């Protein structure tokens, strides 16, 4: 490895020049990797076959009944397989309806017959194709993927258990299961249609103090003035460790006030506000970094220059989680537990599970991804790719002990409940809130309530 010049952090904060430097270094390393591999026989790296297979994976029981409110479409995954002239086959995957980039037929045409080494850093290809290219190139080169990313500095990297917002009882059960499987961190959503105080109280009773609970509010605490009292109450639990996006990230002054008011770490998605503003103004303690490989490496390098921690958020099944491990192996500041969401699924698309011990998983040293595709599971759950995002009828009831009930229906858009929450349709974080999916019993009453909720948005019955 060649030592690269790293600018002084104080100068970075003063001048805002870190982003340009990191981008320049990223471009240099990309060209250097391509040049080094061009010395090998190009025929070994030529893309000769691309195959895409759609599967519909079942959720586990607790994620199933909660994901089905807003995200039933996360079941659909596209597996990408890329064969090179070397004879190796690289694998990748795309969560079809939640991703930074979905591969398409045009992308497949672009890579056929091309040298895979020249393609691996092209984020525009989408998640599954890029991942499969990295796996295929690494296998052909007989190295782990992390060797294509940089120098391995971590033998293990932290992982977090993830689930969408749930009842307090389900959250406690998930924390116990995460603990049982070796995890020491649980990430979930804070929402006004659940009792966040009860959630944290029951979950904290279920796990020891060293187990950490992180809550993503997705703006729903609205303003610093409204947020700080709630955040201060929840921080009394030693398990509470990170708040993600409590209020809109563009609110620089509000986020600075929150950072100053709570002992809990504040995480923000990288890029909003612009990273130089986020770092200069100290609006957060660290970042959430994801998307394509080039973007991840560029953002991670800038975070390192600024001495900001982050977690990797590459979302999918265990295929994506295995891919994420390689980034964790080379990135110095990926010290917050990665969020991959693979714990949602009842079936594993790899032939062996990713083992977690005391919150950490080993960074693979076997060639390529370090794991193999479970073709039996792929074939068992293979389906025809939907023409559009599946959006079955759902009716959701939110209730309080005083008898108030609000009904919400899916309306063809993703995050329909989140938008309603940010629009104040559920009130602002009232204790004892409970939410459930109302089963469709085929009755006219169910259909009447569903139709009214879909047409008019959440309404009180």
Protein backbone atom coordinates (compact mmCIF):
# COMPACT_ATOMS: atom_id res chain seq x y z
CA UNK A 1 0.00 0.00 0.00
CA UNK A 2 1.14 3.56 -0.73
CA UNK A 3 0.75 6.03 2.13
CA UNK A 4 -1.63 8.78 1.10
CA UNK A 5 -1.45 12.36 2.32
CA UNK A 6 -4.18 13.09 4.85
CA UNK A 7 -4.91 16.77 5.54
CA UNK A 8 -4.91 18.15 9.07
CA UNK A 9 -8.43 17.97 10.54
CA UNK A 10 -8.33 21.57 11.77
CA UNK A 11 -7.39 22.76 8.30
CA UNK A 12 -10.12 20.59 6.84
CA UNK A 13 -12.73 22.18 9.08
CA UNK A 14 -11.42 25.66 8.34
CA UNK A 15 -11.20 25.35 4.57
CA UNK A 16 -13.82 22.74 3.74
CA UNK A 17 -11.34 21.22 1.30
CA UNK A 18 -11.57 17.65 2.57
CA UNK A 19 -14.23 16.54 0.14
CA UNK A 20 -12.18 17.51 -2.90
CA UNK A 21 -9.09 15.77 -1.51
CA UNK A 22 -10.97 12.57 -0.70
CA UNK A 23 -12.60 12.57 -4.14
CA UNK A 24 -9.20 13.03 -5.78
CA UNK A 25 -7.72 10.15 -3.77
CA UNK A 26 -10.69 7.95 -4.64
CA UNK A 27 -10.20 8.65 -8.34
CA UNK A 28 -6.48 7.91 -8.03
CA UNK A 29 -7.05 4.57 -6.29
CA UNK A 30 -9.62 3.54 -8.90
CA UNK A 31 -7.25 4.27 -11.77
CA UNK A 32 -4.42 2.54 -9.94
CA UNK A 33 -6.45 -0.63 -9.40
CA UNK A 34 -7.52 -0.72 -13.05
CA UNK A 35 -3.94 -0.21 -14.22
CA UNK A 36 -2.62 -2.95 -11.96
CA UNK A 37 -5.18 -5.47 -13.17
CA UNK A 38 -4.61 -4.56 -16.81
CA UNK A 39 -1.21 -6.25 -16.51
CA UNK A 40 -3.04 -9.57 -16.15
CA UNK A 41 -4.61 -11.39 -19.06
CA UNK A 42 -7.76 -9.43 -19.82
CA UNK A 43 -9.54 -12.52 -21.15
CA UNK A 44 -9.93 -13.89 -17.60
CA UNK A 45 -12.02 -10.86 -16.59
CA UNK A 46 -14.35 -10.62 -19.57
CA UNK A 47 -18.04 -10.81 -18.67
CA UNK A 48 -19.55 -13.75 -20.57
CA UNK A 49 -22.88 -14.31 -18.81
CA UNK A 50 -25.28 -12.34 -16.62
CA UNK A 51 -28.27 -14.00 -15.01
CA UNK A 52 -30.88 -12.42 -12.74
CA UNK A 53 -33.31 -14.41 -10.59
CA UNK A 54 -36.15 -12.98 -8.50
CA UNK A 55 -37.02 -14.61 -5.19
CA UNK A 56 -39.71 -13.88 -2.64
CA UNK A 57 -38.31 -14.63 0.81
CA UNK A 58 -40.53 -15.12 3.86
CA UNK A 59 -40.09 -12.94 6.91
CA UNK A 60 -39.68 -14.33 10.40
CA UNK A 61 -42.84 -14.12 12.51
CA UNK A 62 -42.25 -10.87 14.44
CA UNK A 63 -40.78 -8.91 11.50
CA UNK A 64 -43.55 -10.32 9.31
CA UNK A 65 -46.47 -8.90 11.23
CA UNK A 66 -44.73 -5.52 11.55
CA UNK A 67 -43.14 -5.17 8.12
CA UNK A 68 -46.48 -6.05 6.55
CA UNK A 69 -47.92 -2.71 7.68
CA UNK A 70 -45.66 -0.60 5.46
CA UNK A 71 -42.97 -2.74 3.84
CA UNK A 72 -44.39 -6.05 2.59
CA UNK A 73 -42.44 -5.46 -0.65
CA UNK A 74 -39.05 -6.03 1.01
CA UNK A 75 -39.67 -9.74 0.42
CA UNK A 76 -38.73 -9.43 -3.25
CA UNK A 77 -35.01 -9.79 -3.97
CA UNK A 78 -33.19 -10.10 -7.28
CA UNK A 79 -30.09 -12.31 -7.27
CA UNK A 80 -27.45 -11.39 -9.86
CA UNK A 81 -24.91 -13.90 -11.13
CA UNK A 82 -22.03 -12.82 -13.36
CA UNK A 83 -19.73 -15.34 -15.03
CA UNK A 84 -16.30 -14.30 -16.28
CA UNK A 85 -14.09 -16.02 -18.83
CA UNK A 86 -12.05 -17.32 -15.92
CA UNK A 87 -15.01 -19.62 -15.25
CA UNK A 88 -15.88 -18.08 -11.87
CA UNK A 89 -19.35 -16.83 -11.04
CA UNK A 90 -19.83 -13.76 -8.85
CA UNK A 91 -23.04 -13.23 -6.90
CA UNK A 92 -24.84 -10.12 -5.75
CA UNK A 93 -28.35 -9.06 -4.88
CA UNK A 94 -30.77 -6.17 -5.04
CA UNK A 95 -33.62 -5.54 -2.66
CA UNK A 96 -35.89 -4.65 -5.57
CA UNK A 97 -38.10 -2.07 -3.87
CA UNK A 98 -35.65 -0.57 -1.40
CA UNK A 99 -32.25 0.19 -2.85
CA UNK A 100 -30.01 2.94 -4.11
CA UNK A 101 -29.96 1.42 -7.61
CA UNK A 102 -31.85 -1.40 -9.37
CA UNK A 103 -29.98 -3.11 -12.24
CA UNK A 104 -31.81 -3.05 -15.56
CA UNK A 105 -31.51 -4.67 -18.99
CA UNK A 106 -29.50 -1.73 -20.30
CA UNK A 107 -26.98 -2.17 -17.49
CA UNK A 108 -26.59 -5.84 -18.37
CA UNK A 109 -25.93 -4.95 -22.01
CA UNK A 110 -23.32 -2.40 -20.92
CA UNK A 111 -21.23 -4.97 -19.08
CA UNK A 112 -21.49 -7.97 -21.42
CA UNK A 113 -18.17 -8.62 -23.13
CA UNK A 114 -16.41 -5.96 -21.04
CA UNK A 115 -13.48 -6.32 -18.64
CA UNK A 116 -15.06 -6.61 -15.21
CA UNK A 117 -12.16 -4.77 -13.55
CA UNK A 118 -13.10 -1.62 -15.44
CA UNK A 119 -16.69 -1.87 -14.18
CA UNK A 120 -16.57 -2.57 -10.47
CA UNK A 121 -16.56 1.08 -9.35
CA UNK A 122 -19.51 2.07 -11.56
CA UNK A 123 -22.27 2.77 -9.03
CA UNK A 124 -24.76 3.45 -11.82
CA UNK A 125 -24.99 -0.30 -12.51
CA UNK A 126 -27.01 -0.80 -9.34
CA UNK A 127 -26.58 -2.91 -6.22
CA UNK A 128 -26.76 -6.48 -7.49
CA UNK A 129 -24.58 -6.07 -10.58
CA UNK A 130 -21.88 -4.11 -8.76
CA UNK A 131 -21.78 -6.60 -5.91
CA UNK A 132 -21.54 -9.56 -8.30
CA UNK A 133 -18.77 -7.85 -10.27
CA UNK A 134 -16.73 -7.35 -7.10
CA UNK A 135 -17.22 -11.01 -6.17
CA UNK A 136 -16.27 -12.24 -9.64
CA UNK A 137 -13.17 -10.03 -9.94
CA UNK A 138 -11.97 -10.98 -6.47
CA UNK A 139 -12.50 -14.69 -7.15
CA UNK A 140 -10.63 -14.47 -10.45
CA UNK A 141 -7.82 -12.59 -8.71
CA UNK A 142 -7.93 -15.21 -5.90
CA UNK A 143 -8.31 -12.58 -3.17
CA UNK A 144 -11.11 -11.54 -0.81
CA UNK A 145 -13.23 -8.57 -1.87
CA UNK A 146 -11.66 -6.43 0.84
CA UNK A 147 -8.34 -6.60 -1.04
CA UNK A 148 -9.99 -4.65 -3.87
CA UNK A 149 -11.16 -1.98 -1.41
CA UNK A 150 -7.96 -1.24 0.48
CA UNK A 151 -5.79 -2.52 3.29
CA UNK A 152 -7.55 -4.73 5.79
CA UNK A 153 -7.23 -3.11 9.22
CA UNK A 154 -10.03 -4.91 11.07
CA UNK A 155 -10.33 -8.67 11.50
CA UNK A 156 -13.88 -8.24 12.72
CA UNK A 157 -16.54 -5.59 12.35
CA UNK A 158 -19.66 -4.74 14.42
CA UNK A 159 -23.17 -5.66 13.26
CA UNK A 160 -26.57 -4.51 14.50
CA UNK A 161 -29.91 -6.30 14.57
CA UNK A 162 -32.67 -4.36 12.79
CA UNK A 163 -36.43 -4.36 12.77
CA UNK A 164 -39.06 -1.83 11.83
CA UNK A 165 -41.10 -0.16 14.60
CA UNK A 166 -43.06 -2.71 16.61
CA UNK A 167 -45.10 -3.04 19.75
CA UNK A 168 -43.12 -2.79 22.97
CA UNK A 169 -43.59 -6.52 23.55
CA UNK A 170 -42.27 -7.41 20.08
CA UNK A 171 -39.33 -5.05 20.50
CA UNK A 172 -38.34 -6.68 23.78
CA UNK A 173 -38.62 -10.12 22.19
CA UNK A 174 -36.43 -9.05 19.26
CA UNK A 175 -33.80 -7.62 21.60
CA UNK A 176 -33.71 -10.90 23.50
CA UNK A 177 -33.34 -12.85 20.25
CA UNK A 178 -30.59 -10.52 19.03
CA UNK A 179 -28.75 -11.00 22.32
CA UNK A 180 -29.14 -14.78 22.06
CA UNK A 181 -27.59 -14.75 18.58
CA UNK A 182 -24.53 -12.79 19.69
CA UNK A 183 -25.60 -9.24 18.80
CA UNK A 184 -25.08 -6.34 21.18
CA UNK A 185 -27.01 -3.67 19.28
CA UNK A 186 -30.60 -3.26 18.11
CA UNK A 187 -31.79 -0.57 15.72
CA UNK A 188 -35.43 0.33 15.22
CA UNK A 189 -37.78 3.22 14.43
CA UNK A 190 -39.25 5.78 16.79
CA UNK A 191 -42.80 6.57 15.70
CA UNK A 192 -45.73 8.59 17.11
CA UNK A 193 -48.09 5.65 16.59
CA UNK A 194 -46.26 3.59 19.22
CA UNK A 195 -45.42 4.32 22.86
CA UNK A 196 -41.65 4.94 22.68
CA UNK A 197 -41.37 5.10 26.47
CA UNK A 198 -42.91 1.65 26.88
CA UNK A 199 -40.82 0.30 23.99
CA UNK A 200 -37.54 1.37 25.57
CA UNK A 201 -38.65 0.40 29.07
CA UNK A 202 -39.57 -3.20 28.16
CA UNK A 203 -36.62 -3.66 25.81
CA UNK A 204 -34.17 -2.37 28.42
CA UNK A 205 -35.57 -4.83 30.96
CA UNK A 206 -34.90 -7.63 28.47
CA UNK A 207 -31.17 -7.01 27.94
CA UNK A 208 -28.14 -5.95 30.02
CA UNK A 209 -26.78 -2.41 30.11
CA UNK A 210 -24.02 -3.18 27.58
CA UNK A 211 -26.61 -4.07 24.94
CA UNK A 212 -27.32 -0.90 22.95
CA UNK A 213 -30.62 0.35 21.51
CA UNK A 214 -30.66 2.89 18.68
CA UNK A 215 -33.77 4.68 17.44
CA UNK A 216 -34.31 6.28 14.06
CA UNK A 217 -37.00 8.96 14.25
CA UNK A 218 -36.94 10.00 10.56
CA UNK A 219 -37.77 13.66 11.39
CA UNK A 220 -40.87 12.78 13.42
CA UNK A 221 -39.74 14.72 16.51
CA UNK A 222 -40.08 17.78 14.23
CA UNK A 223 -38.16 20.48 16.13
CA UNK A 224 -35.45 20.64 18.77
CA UNK A 225 -37.89 22.22 21.22
CA UNK A 226 -40.29 19.29 20.86
CA UNK A 227 -37.59 16.63 20.60
CA UNK A 228 -35.30 17.40 23.52
CA UNK A 229 -37.72 16.57 26.38
CA UNK A 230 -38.44 13.13 24.86
CA UNK A 231 -34.80 12.43 24.07
CA UNK A 232 -33.80 13.42 27.59
CA UNK A 233 -36.35 11.03 29.06
CA UNK A 234 -35.20 8.10 26.93
CA UNK A 235 -31.52 8.73 27.59
CA UNK A 236 -32.04 7.73 31.22
CA UNK A 237 -31.84 4.12 30.05
CA UNK A 238 -28.15 3.12 29.75
CA UNK A 239 -28.95 0.93 26.75
CA UNK A 240 -29.99 3.91 24.62
CA UNK A 241 -26.93 4.81 22.55
CA UNK A 242 -27.81 6.50 19.23
CA UNK A 243 -30.64 8.70 17.95
CA UNK A 244 -30.83 8.86 14.17
CA UNK A 245 -32.37 11.89 12.43
CA UNK A 246 -34.57 13.05 15.33
CA UNK A 247 -35.60 16.20 13.40
CA UNK A 248 -35.07 17.27 9.77
CA UNK A 249 -31.35 17.10 9.03
CA UNK A 250 -31.40 20.44 7.22
CA UNK A 251 -32.18 22.15 10.54
CA UNK A 252 -28.56 22.88 11.47
CA UNK A 253 -29.25 24.99 14.56
CA UNK A 254 -31.86 22.56 15.85
CA UNK A 255 -29.57 19.57 15.49
CA UNK A 256 -26.72 21.44 17.19
CA UNK A 257 -29.05 22.12 20.11
CA UNK A 258 -30.00 18.44 20.31
CA UNK A 259 -26.33 17.38 20.26
CA UNK A 260 -25.62 19.75 23.14
CA UNK A 261 -28.64 18.61 25.15
CA UNK A 262 -28.23 14.81 25.18
CA UNK A 263 -25.51 12.34 26.11
CA UNK A 264 -26.79 10.03 23.36
CA UNK A 265 -24.95 10.01 20.02
CA UNK A 266 -26.70 11.68 17.08
CA UNK A 267 -26.42 10.02 13.66
CA UNK A 268 -27.30 11.60 10.33
CA UNK A 269 -27.45 10.24 6.81
CA UNK A 270 -24.33 11.45 5.02
CA UNK A 271 -24.98 14.26 2.53
CA UNK A 272 -27.75 16.29 4.20
CA UNK A 273 -26.70 18.90 5.17
CA UNK A 274 -23.63 18.87 2.90
CA UNK A 275 -20.80 17.03 4.69
CA UNK A 276 -18.59 20.10 5.03
CA UNK A 277 -21.46 21.92 6.78
CA UNK A 278 -22.28 18.92 8.99
CA UNK A 279 -18.64 18.65 10.08
CA UNK A 280 -17.91 22.36 10.53
CA UNK A 281 -21.10 22.94 12.52
CA UNK A 282 -20.84 19.67 14.51
CA UNK A 283 -24.49 18.85 13.95
CA UNK A 284 -24.00 15.13 14.60
CA UNK A 285 -21.63 12.67 16.23
CA UNK A 286 -21.42 10.44 13.18
CA UNK A 287 -22.92 9.37 9.89
CA UNK A 288 -25.01 6.70 8.21
CA UNK A 289 -23.15 5.72 5.02
CA UNK A 290 -24.46 3.56 2.21
CA UNK A 291 -25.22 3.30 -1.53
CA UNK A 292 -22.66 2.19 -4.15
CA UNK A 293 -19.04 1.22 -3.57
CA UNK A 294 -17.54 4.45 -4.92
CA UNK A 295 -19.85 6.59 -2.86
CA UNK A 296 -19.28 4.49 0.27
CA UNK A 297 -15.50 4.70 0.00
CA UNK A 298 -15.52 8.44 -0.75
CA UNK A 299 -17.86 9.23 2.16
CA UNK A 300 -15.97 6.91 4.51
CA UNK A 301 -12.64 8.51 3.66
CA UNK A 302 -14.02 11.97 4.32
CA UNK A 303 -15.51 10.81 7.62
CA UNK A 304 -12.09 9.46 8.60
CA UNK A 305 -10.40 12.77 7.77
CA UNK A 306 -12.95 14.53 9.96
CA UNK A 307 -12.68 11.85 12.67
CA UNK A 308 -16.40 11.05 12.48
CA UNK A 309 -17.68 7.58 13.23
CA UNK A 310 -20.35 5.96 11.07
CA UNK A 311 -22.26 2.78 10.45
CA UNK A 312 -22.49 1.07 7.09
CA UNK A 313 -26.07 0.80 5.86
CA UNK A 314 -26.12 -1.70 3.00
CA UNK A 315 -29.53 -3.35 3.11
CA UNK A 316 -30.55 -6.82 1.95
CA UNK A 317 -30.28 -10.47 2.91
CA UNK A 318 -27.15 -12.17 4.19
CA UNK A 319 -25.58 -11.76 0.72
CA UNK A 320 -25.49 -8.00 1.22
CA UNK A 321 -24.46 -8.41 4.85
CA UNK A 322 -21.46 -10.51 3.77
CA UNK A 323 -20.51 -7.87 1.19
CA UNK A 324 -20.73 -5.18 3.87
CA UNK A 325 -18.27 -7.09 6.07
CA UNK A 326 -15.51 -6.44 3.54
CA UNK A 327 -16.05 -2.67 3.74
CA UNK A 328 -15.99 -2.92 7.51
CA UNK A 329 -12.63 -4.64 7.22
CA UNK A 330 -10.91 -1.70 5.53
CA UNK A 331 -12.67 1.37 6.92
CA UNK A 332 -11.17 2.82 10.09
CA UNK A 333 -14.24 4.73 11.25
CA UNK A 334 -16.93 2.12 10.59
CA UNK A 335 -17.09 1.56 14.34
CA UNK A 336 -20.84 1.85 14.84
CA UNK A 337 -22.62 -1.48 14.17
CA UNK A 338 -23.57 -1.98 10.51
CA UNK A 339 -27.24 -2.11 9.54
CA UNK A 340 -27.94 -4.76 6.90
CA UNK A 341 -31.46 -5.86 7.91
CA UNK A 342 -30.83 -9.51 6.98
CA UNK A 343 -32.26 -10.63 10.31
CA UNK A 344 -35.76 -10.02 8.92
CA UNK A 345 -35.77 -13.17 6.82
CA UNK A 346 -36.68 -16.73 7.77
CA UNK A 347 -34.43 -18.25 5.08
CA UNK A 348 -30.75 -17.70 4.30
CA UNK A 349 -29.55 -17.22 0.71
CA UNK A 350 -26.03 -18.23 1.79
CA UNK A 351 -25.00 -21.82 2.48
CA UNK A 352 -23.83 -20.84 5.97
CA UNK A 353 -24.92 -18.06 8.34
CA UNK A 354 -22.88 -15.03 9.31
CA UNK A 355 -21.89 -15.72 12.90
CA UNK A 356 -21.90 -12.88 15.39
CA UNK A 357 -20.07 -13.07 18.71
CA UNK A 358 -20.19 -10.30 21.29
CA UNK A 359 -21.51 -7.92 18.63
CA UNK A 360 -18.86 -8.61 15.98
CA UNK A 361 -18.59 -10.76 12.84
CA UNK A 362 -15.37 -11.94 11.23
CA UNK A 363 -14.26 -10.19 8.03
CA UNK A 364 -13.97 -13.02 5.46
CA UNK A 365 -10.53 -13.96 4.16
CA UNK A 366 -11.73 -16.58 1.68
CA UNK A 367 -11.64 -15.44 -1.94
CA UNK A 368 -14.42 -13.28 -3.29
CA UNK A 369 -17.41 -12.71 -1.05
CA UNK A 370 -16.22 -15.49 1.23
CA UNK A 371 -19.65 -17.14 1.18
CA UNK A 372 -21.53 -19.24 -1.36
CA UNK A 373 -25.05 -18.90 -2.77
CA UNK A 374 -27.61 -21.33 -1.39
CA UNK A 375 -29.13 -22.45 -4.66
CA UNK A 376 -31.65 -24.70 -2.94
CA UNK A 377 -33.21 -21.70 -1.18
CA UNK A 378 -33.01 -19.61 -4.36
CA UNK A 379 -34.84 -22.27 -6.36
CA UNK A 380 -37.42 -22.90 -3.63
CA UNK A 381 -38.48 -19.24 -3.47
CA UNK A 382 -37.94 -18.29 -7.12
CA UNK A 383 -40.83 -16.22 -8.54
CA UNK A 384 -41.61 -14.15 -11.58
CA UNK A 385 -40.39 -10.56 -11.19
CA UNK A 386 -43.37 -8.27 -10.47
CA UNK A 387 -44.13 -5.64 -13.08
CA UNK A 388 -44.49 -3.07 -10.30
CA UNK A 389 -44.00 -2.81 -6.56
CA UNK A 390 -46.43 -5.19 -4.80
CA UNK A 391 -48.90 -3.13 -2.76
CA UNK A 392 -51.57 -5.34 -1.17
CA UNK A 393 -54.49 -3.70 0.62
CA UNK A 394 -53.63 -2.87 4.22
CA UNK A 395 -55.71 -1.24 6.93
CA UNK A 396 -53.86 -0.04 10.04
CA UNK A 397 -55.45 0.89 13.35
CA UNK A 398 -53.77 3.19 15.89
CA UNK A 399 -55.48 3.42 19.26
CA UNK A 400 -55.16 4.94 22.74
CA UNK A 401 -56.70 3.90 26.11
CA UNK A 402 -59.17 6.79 26.01
CA UNK A 403 -60.90 5.14 23.05
CA UNK A 404 -59.45 7.29 20.27
CA UNK A 405 -58.83 5.29 17.09
CA UNK A 406 -57.21 6.41 13.85
CA UNK A 407 -57.30 4.35 10.67
CA UNK A 408 -54.69 4.46 7.89
CA UNK A 409 -54.63 2.67 4.54
CA UNK A 410 -51.86 2.16 2.04
CA UNK A 411 -52.21 4.71 -0.75
CA UNK A 412 -49.83 3.52 -3.44
CA UNK A 413 -46.83 5.33 -2.00
CA UNK A 414 -43.95 4.11 0.15
CA UNK A 415 -43.74 5.54 3.69
CA UNK A 416 -47.38 6.57 3.69
CA UNK A 417 -47.51 6.30 7.49
CA UNK A 418 -44.28 8.24 7.93
CA UNK A 419 -45.62 11.11 5.82
CA UNK A 420 -48.84 11.14 7.79
CA UNK A 421 -46.85 11.17 11.03
CA UNK A 422 -44.72 14.09 9.87
CA UNK A 423 -47.92 15.86 8.85
CA UNK A 424 -49.22 15.51 12.41
CA UNK A 425 -52.06 13.11 11.60
CA UNK A 426 -51.42 10.94 14.70
CA UNK A 427 -50.75 13.70 17.18
CA UNK A 428 -47.32 14.14 18.72
CA UNK A 429 -45.91 11.16 20.64
CA UNK A 430 -48.63 10.41 23.15
CA UNK A 431 -48.08 7.65 25.75
CA UNK A 432 -49.90 4.31 25.44
CA UNK A 433 -50.25 4.48 21.63
CA UNK A 434 -50.70 1.06 20.01
CA UNK A 435 -50.81 0.16 16.31
CA UNK A 436 -51.83 -3.02 14.52
CA UNK A 437 -52.60 -4.32 11.07
CA UNK A 438 -56.33 -5.02 10.84
CA UNK A 439 -56.90 -8.36 9.07
CA UNK A 440 -59.12 -8.23 6.00
CA UNK A 441 -62.11 -10.34 7.05
CA UNK A 442 -63.90 -9.78 3.76
CA UNK A 443 -66.63 -7.72 5.37
CA UNK A 444 -68.21 -4.61 3.91
CA UNK A 445 -67.28 -2.72 7.09
CA UNK A 446 -63.58 -3.47 6.58
CA UNK A 447 -63.79 -2.34 2.96
CA UNK A 448 -65.69 0.83 3.84
CA UNK A 449 -63.09 1.85 6.45
CA UNK A 450 -60.24 0.94 4.11
CA UNK A 451 -61.73 2.96 1.23
CA UNK A 452 -62.30 6.02 3.38
CA UNK A 453 -58.78 5.84 4.85
CA UNK A 454 -57.23 5.43 1.41
CA UNK A 455 -59.16 8.31 -0.11
CA UNK A 456 -58.90 10.77 2.77
CA UNK A 457 -55.71 9.77 4.53
CA UNK A 458 -55.67 8.78 8.22
CA UNK A 459 -59.01 9.54 9.83
CA UNK A 460 -60.47 9.21 13.30
CA UNK A 461 -63.39 6.84 13.66
